[in-house]
């Protein structure tokens, strides 16, 4: 039996996505208005599952939240992934579809990811009906990407990667214009861990630090010395970065407290360095605080490994981008220290991730994880086309 013509498949994908373009925009706006935090994406799960079932996909709802769906038949199987969760950030856009949930917003574009993958599902279902889908495609609508170590492990435990040969995803990038897709082979994101250090010691009056264990001074040493020492103990090519997001100690200017805390992230570009980071960080903190007599409670949570696009998958995704938006739409992109739990999947199977442009040409540039994030409505349909094309390219 001959393989379907990829050009015929591309025409079908374009036709279906154009047909549902307005519906996909409405879906994205509905999801944006009703964001749900990690592990609580119950409404989003129900909406997605119902739409996929109506489109004829084989749908499995996971306990709590999350959906795995499949379309097509045959032994060849590739996967596409979107994430469902929002962030504990207030929506400040003022758009008519702004979040109705106080303090929660889709500030990372997961509403775009989800609606785009639903659009790809519509196209893939039509390809299957026309005999143009040369295999099976499994679609992951994953909960809890925004927490460490991420919902990817939950899906993997549920067997989502069983028999999968490749996996692809897109992530919103508000620094790229809509119609542009950023792609690179090799490392794309960094490993990211969460670190919290609580120091305990004898407090007292600031006039008599010698009778205390001067916990605040010791906390300052952790803040400044850990990043400096770590950069000398790990290969500089690993690009290690320790950045503190929270410092808490004391309540008066003349009182040395008996407890204090600092918390932040440990990020790096290299998976080999990441494997050694936790043990090294723990031992260095103990060494830093030892001269001051305080004790350290260290909570080190391993987060996610780097996303590393393999060569073959990057080529396939590049071909998909060019079919969807033309060669001019494929642009280069650089590695970032942002964490993405898609890296867990790539530890098991080859795959690739690209960056989906969401900026309106000539419009402002927003940043991810900010409550004012706006996306161009055209990004959803483009994402749908690229994902469907990636599946076809990988199966052909």
Protein backbone atom coordinates (compact mmCIF):
# COMPACT_ATOMS: atom_id res chain seq x y z
CA UNK A 1 0.00 0.00 0.00
CA UNK A 2 1.48 3.38 -1.03
CA UNK A 3 2.07 6.12 1.48
CA UNK A 4 -0.24 9.17 1.34
CA UNK A 5 1.13 12.21 -0.48
CA UNK A 6 2.38 14.75 2.10
CA UNK A 7 1.18 17.57 -0.14
CA UNK A 8 -2.37 16.21 -0.01
CA UNK A 9 -2.08 15.97 3.76
CA UNK A 10 -0.88 19.57 3.98
CA UNK A 11 -3.85 20.78 1.96
CA UNK A 12 -6.21 18.87 4.24
CA UNK A 13 -4.55 20.27 7.37
CA UNK A 14 -4.76 23.82 6.04
CA UNK A 15 -8.42 23.38 5.06
CA UNK A 16 -9.48 21.95 8.41
CA UNK A 17 -7.60 24.46 10.54
CA UNK A 18 -8.97 27.35 8.47
CA UNK A 19 -12.47 25.90 8.87
CA UNK A 20 -12.15 25.82 12.67
CA UNK A 21 -10.02 28.97 13.08
CA UNK A 22 -12.73 31.04 14.75
CA UNK A 23 -13.73 28.14 16.99
CA UNK A 24 -10.11 27.70 18.10
CA UNK A 25 -9.85 31.39 18.97
CA UNK A 26 -13.07 31.11 20.99
CA UNK A 27 -11.69 28.04 22.74
CA UNK A 28 -8.44 29.79 23.59
CA UNK A 29 -10.31 32.78 24.99
CA UNK A 30 -12.63 30.54 27.02
CA UNK A 31 -9.65 28.72 28.53
CA UNK A 32 -7.98 32.04 29.21
CA UNK A 33 -11.06 33.28 31.05
CA UNK A 34 -11.24 30.12 33.18
CA UNK A 35 -7.64 29.32 34.20
CA UNK A 36 -6.88 26.52 36.63
CA UNK A 37 -3.76 25.91 38.68
CA UNK A 38 -1.54 22.82 38.51
CA UNK A 39 -3.28 19.53 39.37
CA UNK A 40 -6.66 21.31 39.48
CA UNK A 41 -7.36 21.57 35.74
CA UNK A 42 -10.72 19.78 35.99
CA UNK A 43 -12.83 22.14 33.89
CA UNK A 44 -10.12 22.40 31.24
CA UNK A 45 -9.83 18.61 31.16
CA UNK A 46 -13.58 18.21 30.68
CA UNK A 47 -13.74 20.80 27.89
CA UNK A 48 -10.84 19.21 26.01
CA UNK A 49 -12.06 15.63 26.47
CA UNK A 50 -15.53 16.50 25.19
CA UNK A 51 -14.19 18.25 22.09
CA UNK A 52 -11.83 15.39 21.25
CA UNK A 53 -14.55 12.80 21.76
CA UNK A 54 -16.89 14.69 19.44
CA UNK A 55 -14.10 14.74 16.84
CA UNK A 56 -13.88 10.94 16.97
CA UNK A 57 -10.61 10.48 18.84
CA UNK A 58 -10.08 7.71 21.37
CA UNK A 59 -10.03 9.63 24.65
CA UNK A 60 -8.74 8.68 28.10
CA UNK A 61 -9.29 11.07 30.98
CA UNK A 62 -6.65 10.74 33.66
CA UNK A 63 -7.52 10.70 37.37
CA UNK A 64 -7.84 14.26 38.59
CA UNK A 65 -6.86 16.12 35.45
CA UNK A 66 -5.23 15.53 32.10
CA UNK A 67 -6.19 13.82 28.85
CA UNK A 68 -4.51 11.30 26.57
CA UNK A 69 -6.13 10.89 23.16
CA UNK A 70 -5.25 8.88 20.07
CA UNK A 71 -6.15 8.96 16.40
CA UNK A 72 -5.16 6.70 13.51
CA UNK A 73 -4.04 3.10 13.31
CA UNK A 74 -0.96 1.03 12.54
CA UNK A 75 2.25 0.29 14.39
CA UNK A 76 3.96 3.67 13.90
CA UNK A 77 3.14 6.06 16.75
CA UNK A 78 4.23 9.64 17.41
CA UNK A 79 3.10 12.02 20.14
CA UNK A 80 2.18 15.69 20.43
CA UNK A 81 2.02 17.49 23.76
CA UNK A 82 0.26 20.52 25.26
CA UNK A 83 -0.01 21.67 28.87
CA UNK A 84 -3.16 22.73 30.71
CA UNK A 85 -2.25 24.68 33.82
CA UNK A 86 -2.18 28.39 34.59
CA UNK A 87 -0.14 30.43 37.06
CA UNK A 88 -0.90 32.14 40.39
CA UNK A 89 -0.66 35.55 38.70
CA UNK A 90 -3.33 38.25 38.44
CA UNK A 91 -4.60 38.95 34.91
CA UNK A 92 -4.01 42.64 34.15
CA UNK A 93 -4.82 42.67 30.42
CA UNK A 94 -8.33 44.09 30.75
CA UNK A 95 -9.42 42.06 27.72
CA UNK A 96 -13.06 40.92 27.51
CA UNK A 97 -11.81 37.34 28.02
CA UNK A 98 -9.65 38.20 31.04
CA UNK A 99 -9.46 35.66 33.82
CA UNK A 100 -12.55 35.45 36.01
CA UNK A 101 -10.50 33.64 38.68
CA UNK A 102 -8.86 36.14 41.06
CA UNK A 103 -5.10 35.79 41.19
CA UNK A 104 -4.90 33.11 38.47
CA UNK A 105 -4.03 33.65 34.80
CA UNK A 106 -2.73 31.91 31.71
CA UNK A 107 0.44 34.00 31.84
CA UNK A 108 2.57 31.42 30.04
CA UNK A 109 0.38 30.70 27.03
CA UNK A 110 -0.81 27.23 27.96
CA UNK A 111 -4.27 28.24 26.71
CA UNK A 112 -2.69 28.68 23.28
CA UNK A 113 -0.88 25.35 23.55
CA UNK A 114 -4.11 23.53 24.45
CA UNK A 115 -6.31 25.15 21.82
CA UNK A 116 -3.62 24.64 19.19
CA UNK A 117 -3.37 20.93 19.94
CA UNK A 118 -7.17 20.61 19.79
CA UNK A 119 -6.96 22.19 16.32
CA UNK A 120 -4.26 19.69 15.34
CA UNK A 121 -6.54 16.90 16.59
CA UNK A 122 -9.33 18.11 14.28
CA UNK A 123 -6.93 18.06 11.32
CA UNK A 124 -5.53 14.63 12.19
CA UNK A 125 -9.03 13.18 12.55
CA UNK A 126 -9.88 14.43 9.07
CA UNK A 127 -6.64 13.00 7.68
CA UNK A 128 -7.57 9.63 9.17
CA UNK A 129 -11.05 9.81 7.65
CA UNK A 130 -9.51 10.50 4.21
CA UNK A 131 -6.88 7.78 4.51
CA UNK A 132 -4.08 10.35 4.60
CA UNK A 133 -2.71 9.61 8.08
CA UNK A 134 0.08 7.01 7.80
CA UNK A 135 0.05 5.81 11.41
CA UNK A 136 -1.08 6.73 14.91
CA UNK A 137 -0.80 10.00 16.78
CA UNK A 138 -1.13 10.26 20.55
CA UNK A 139 -1.99 13.65 22.01
CA UNK A 140 -0.99 14.58 25.56
CA UNK A 141 -2.92 17.30 27.37
CA UNK A 142 -0.72 17.39 30.42
CA UNK A 143 -1.49 18.85 33.84
CA UNK A 144 0.96 20.63 36.12
CA UNK A 145 3.79 21.83 33.92
CA UNK A 146 4.31 24.84 36.15
CA UNK A 147 5.32 22.90 39.27
CA UNK A 148 8.41 20.81 39.93
CA UNK A 149 9.11 18.09 38.94
CA UNK A 150 6.12 18.49 36.62
CA UNK A 151 3.15 16.55 35.36
CA UNK A 152 5.17 14.87 32.61
CA UNK A 153 6.19 12.21 35.12
CA UNK A 154 2.51 11.62 35.91
CA UNK A 155 1.74 10.93 32.25
CA UNK A 156 4.77 8.73 31.82
CA UNK A 157 3.68 6.67 34.83
CA UNK A 158 0.29 6.31 33.11
CA UNK A 159 1.98 4.77 30.05
CA UNK A 160 1.69 7.81 27.78
CA UNK A 161 5.05 7.13 26.12
CA UNK A 162 4.47 3.41 25.55
CA UNK A 163 5.29 2.60 21.90
CA UNK A 164 5.91 6.28 21.07
CA UNK A 165 8.82 6.79 18.67
CA UNK A 166 8.96 10.62 18.69
CA UNK A 167 7.33 13.54 20.47
CA UNK A 168 6.88 17.21 19.57
CA UNK A 169 5.58 20.37 21.22
CA UNK A 170 5.39 24.14 20.73
CA UNK A 171 5.86 26.79 23.40
CA UNK A 172 4.64 30.37 23.11
CA UNK A 173 7.33 33.00 22.55
CA UNK A 174 6.12 36.62 22.83
CA UNK A 175 9.43 37.91 21.43
CA UNK A 176 8.65 36.39 18.00
CA UNK A 177 6.02 37.71 15.60
CA UNK A 178 3.03 35.55 14.86
CA UNK A 179 3.94 33.42 11.85
CA UNK A 180 7.50 32.90 13.06
CA UNK A 181 8.61 29.64 14.69
CA UNK A 182 11.93 29.50 16.52
CA UNK A 183 13.85 26.22 16.21
CA UNK A 184 17.30 24.91 17.03
CA UNK A 185 18.95 21.53 17.28
CA UNK A 186 20.45 20.50 20.62
CA UNK A 187 19.86 22.09 24.05
CA UNK A 188 16.93 24.52 24.09
CA UNK A 189 16.05 25.03 27.77
CA UNK A 190 17.93 24.56 31.01
CA UNK A 191 17.63 22.25 33.97
CA UNK A 192 15.78 23.92 36.83
CA UNK A 193 15.68 23.01 40.53
CA UNK A 194 14.09 24.72 43.54
CA UNK A 195 16.20 25.49 46.61
CA UNK A 196 15.11 26.67 50.04
CA UNK A 197 17.50 27.15 52.96
CA UNK A 198 16.34 27.80 56.54
CA UNK A 199 18.96 28.77 59.09
CA UNK A 200 18.46 28.38 62.83
CA UNK A 201 20.66 29.78 65.59
CA UNK A 202 20.86 31.78 68.81
CA UNK A 203 19.55 35.32 68.32
CA UNK A 204 20.00 38.39 70.47
CA UNK A 205 20.69 42.14 70.55
CA UNK A 206 22.55 43.72 67.62
CA UNK A 207 24.87 45.40 70.13
CA UNK A 208 26.17 41.98 71.19
CA UNK A 209 26.63 39.89 68.04
CA UNK A 210 29.46 38.00 69.71
CA UNK A 211 26.92 36.48 72.11
CA UNK A 212 24.74 35.28 69.26
CA UNK A 213 25.24 33.21 66.18
CA UNK A 214 24.46 36.26 63.97
CA UNK A 215 22.10 34.36 61.76
CA UNK A 216 21.38 37.30 59.43
CA UNK A 217 25.08 37.63 58.60
CA UNK A 218 25.27 33.88 57.91
CA UNK A 219 22.20 34.12 55.67
CA UNK A 220 23.89 36.88 53.70
CA UNK A 221 26.90 34.64 53.22
CA UNK A 222 24.68 31.91 51.74
CA UNK A 223 23.08 34.45 49.41
CA UNK A 224 26.37 35.76 48.04
CA UNK A 225 28.79 32.87 48.36
CA UNK A 226 26.76 29.93 47.09
CA UNK A 227 26.41 31.31 43.53
CA UNK A 228 30.08 32.32 43.49
CA UNK A 229 31.43 29.00 44.74
CA UNK A 230 29.11 26.90 42.59
CA UNK A 231 30.32 28.70 39.47
CA UNK A 232 33.85 27.56 40.36
CA UNK A 233 32.97 23.98 41.23
CA UNK A 234 30.97 23.18 38.09
CA UNK A 235 32.17 23.35 34.49
CA UNK A 236 31.62 26.97 33.38
CA UNK A 237 30.20 25.64 30.12
CA UNK A 238 27.27 24.32 32.18
CA UNK A 239 26.02 27.91 32.57
CA UNK A 240 25.03 27.48 36.20
CA UNK A 241 22.81 30.21 37.67
CA UNK A 242 21.62 30.56 41.27
CA UNK A 243 19.07 33.35 41.68
CA UNK A 244 17.20 34.11 44.89
CA UNK A 245 13.55 35.03 44.77
CA UNK A 246 12.77 35.28 48.49
CA UNK A 247 14.69 36.35 51.60
CA UNK A 248 13.06 36.49 55.02
CA UNK A 249 14.67 37.19 58.41
CA UNK A 250 13.96 39.33 61.43
CA UNK A 251 11.35 41.93 62.36
CA UNK A 252 13.30 44.75 64.03
CA UNK A 253 16.42 46.77 63.23
CA UNK A 254 18.11 46.01 66.56
CA UNK A 255 17.27 42.32 66.96
CA UNK A 256 19.32 39.45 65.54
CA UNK A 257 16.70 36.78 64.71
CA UNK A 258 16.96 33.13 65.58
CA UNK A 259 15.68 31.93 62.20
CA UNK A 260 15.75 33.08 58.59
CA UNK A 261 15.09 31.71 55.13
CA UNK A 262 16.21 32.20 51.57
CA UNK A 263 14.70 30.52 48.51
CA UNK A 264 15.41 30.55 44.81
CA UNK A 265 16.26 28.44 41.80
CA UNK A 266 19.33 26.57 40.62
CA UNK A 267 19.51 26.43 36.84
CA UNK A 268 22.05 25.16 34.34
CA UNK A 269 22.37 24.27 30.69
CA UNK A 270 24.09 20.91 31.06
CA UNK A 271 22.51 17.59 32.07
CA UNK A 272 25.81 16.15 33.34
CA UNK A 273 26.33 19.06 35.74
CA UNK A 274 22.68 18.81 36.77
CA UNK A 275 23.23 15.24 37.94
CA UNK A 276 25.87 16.44 40.44
CA UNK A 277 24.27 19.72 41.48
CA UNK A 278 22.19 18.69 44.49
CA UNK A 279 24.96 16.94 46.43
CA UNK A 280 27.37 19.77 45.68
CA UNK A 281 24.91 22.50 46.76
CA UNK A 282 24.13 20.75 50.03
CA UNK A 283 27.78 20.32 50.99
CA UNK A 284 28.67 23.91 50.06
CA UNK A 285 25.86 25.39 52.18
CA UNK A 286 27.00 23.36 55.18
CA UNK A 287 30.56 24.62 54.66
CA UNK A 288 29.43 28.24 54.27
CA UNK A 289 27.43 28.39 57.50
CA UNK A 290 29.75 26.23 59.64
CA UNK A 291 31.91 29.14 60.96
CA UNK A 292 28.84 30.91 62.36
CA UNK A 293 27.47 28.06 64.46
CA UNK A 294 24.04 28.06 62.84
CA UNK A 295 22.29 24.98 61.52
CA UNK A 296 20.90 24.72 58.00
CA UNK A 297 17.73 22.98 56.90
CA UNK A 298 18.08 22.47 53.15
CA UNK A 299 15.13 21.67 50.91
CA UNK A 300 16.48 20.89 47.45
CA UNK A 301 13.82 19.82 44.96
CA UNK A 302 15.07 18.47 41.67
CA UNK A 303 12.91 19.99 38.99
CA UNK A 304 13.32 19.26 35.31
CA UNK A 305 16.18 18.28 32.99
CA UNK A 306 17.14 20.36 29.96
CA UNK A 307 15.12 20.08 26.77
CA UNK A 308 17.52 18.73 24.14
CA UNK A 309 16.22 18.52 20.56
CA UNK A 310 17.72 15.60 18.68
CA UNK A 311 18.90 16.15 15.11
CA UNK A 312 16.41 13.94 13.28
CA UNK A 313 13.40 15.30 15.17
CA UNK A 314 14.56 18.87 14.65
CA UNK A 315 14.75 18.26 10.91
CA UNK A 316 11.24 16.79 10.90
CA UNK A 317 9.85 19.69 12.91
CA UNK A 318 11.64 22.13 10.63
CA UNK A 319 10.00 20.49 7.62
CA UNK A 320 6.63 20.80 9.34
CA UNK A 321 7.19 24.50 10.04
CA UNK A 322 8.08 25.17 6.42
CA UNK A 323 4.97 23.35 5.20
CA UNK A 324 2.78 25.28 7.61
CA UNK A 325 4.14 28.83 7.33
CA UNK A 326 6.79 28.71 4.59
CA UNK A 327 10.61 28.78 4.82
CA UNK A 328 10.59 32.42 5.91
CA UNK A 329 8.61 31.50 9.01
CA UNK A 330 11.35 29.27 10.38
CA UNK A 331 13.82 31.32 12.41
CA UNK A 332 16.67 30.57 14.75
CA UNK A 333 16.38 30.71 18.50
CA UNK A 334 18.77 30.51 21.43
CA UNK A 335 18.96 28.30 24.50
CA UNK A 336 17.41 29.73 27.64
CA UNK A 337 17.62 28.86 31.34
CA UNK A 338 13.86 28.52 31.58
CA UNK A 339 12.69 25.11 32.80
CA UNK A 340 10.26 22.93 30.85
CA UNK A 341 9.20 19.44 31.95
CA UNK A 342 9.03 18.34 28.32
CA UNK A 343 12.65 17.43 29.04
CA UNK A 344 11.45 14.37 30.98
CA UNK A 345 9.86 12.96 27.82
CA UNK A 346 13.04 13.56 25.85
CA UNK A 347 14.96 11.52 28.41
CA UNK A 348 12.95 8.55 27.16
CA UNK A 349 12.25 9.16 23.46
CA UNK A 350 13.67 11.50 20.81
CA UNK A 351 11.77 14.64 20.01
CA UNK A 352 11.87 18.38 19.56
CA UNK A 353 10.31 21.57 20.84
CA UNK A 354 9.96 24.84 18.94
CA UNK A 355 8.97 28.36 19.96
CA UNK A 356 5.66 29.67 18.60
CA UNK A 357 5.59 33.39 17.84
CA UNK A 358 2.69 35.17 19.53
CA UNK A 359 3.53 38.86 19.08
CA UNK A 360 1.36 40.97 16.79
CA UNK A 361 3.74 42.47 14.19
CA UNK A 362 4.49 46.03 15.20
CA UNK A 363 2.88 45.49 18.59
CA UNK A 364 4.45 45.45 22.05
CA UNK A 365 6.70 42.68 23.29
CA UNK A 366 5.40 40.99 26.42
CA UNK A 367 7.12 38.59 28.79
CA UNK A 368 6.04 35.16 29.96
CA UNK A 369 4.79 34.70 33.53
CA UNK A 370 3.49 38.27 33.60
CA UNK A 371 -0.18 39.15 34.06
CA UNK A 372 -0.23 41.50 31.07
CA UNK A 373 0.70 38.80 28.53
CA UNK A 374 -1.30 39.10 25.32
CA UNK A 375 -1.09 36.80 22.31
CA UNK A 376 -2.08 37.36 18.70
CA UNK A 377 -5.18 35.34 17.85
CA UNK A 378 -3.50 33.95 14.74
CA UNK A 379 -0.96 32.01 16.80
CA UNK A 380 -3.46 29.29 17.74
CA UNK A 381 -4.19 28.21 14.18
CA UNK A 382 -0.52 28.36 13.22
CA UNK A 383 0.32 26.15 16.18
CA UNK A 384 -2.38 23.69 15.12
CA UNK A 385 -1.00 23.45 11.60
CA UNK A 386 2.61 23.02 12.71
CA UNK A 387 1.75 20.27 15.19
CA UNK A 388 -0.37 18.33 12.69
CA UNK A 389 2.35 18.70 10.05
CA UNK A 390 4.96 17.46 12.53
CA UNK A 391 2.98 14.30 13.17
CA UNK A 392 2.59 13.61 9.46
CA UNK A 393 6.27 14.32 8.78
CA UNK A 394 7.36 11.92 11.54
CA UNK A 395 5.04 9.16 10.32
CA UNK A 396 5.81 9.50 6.59
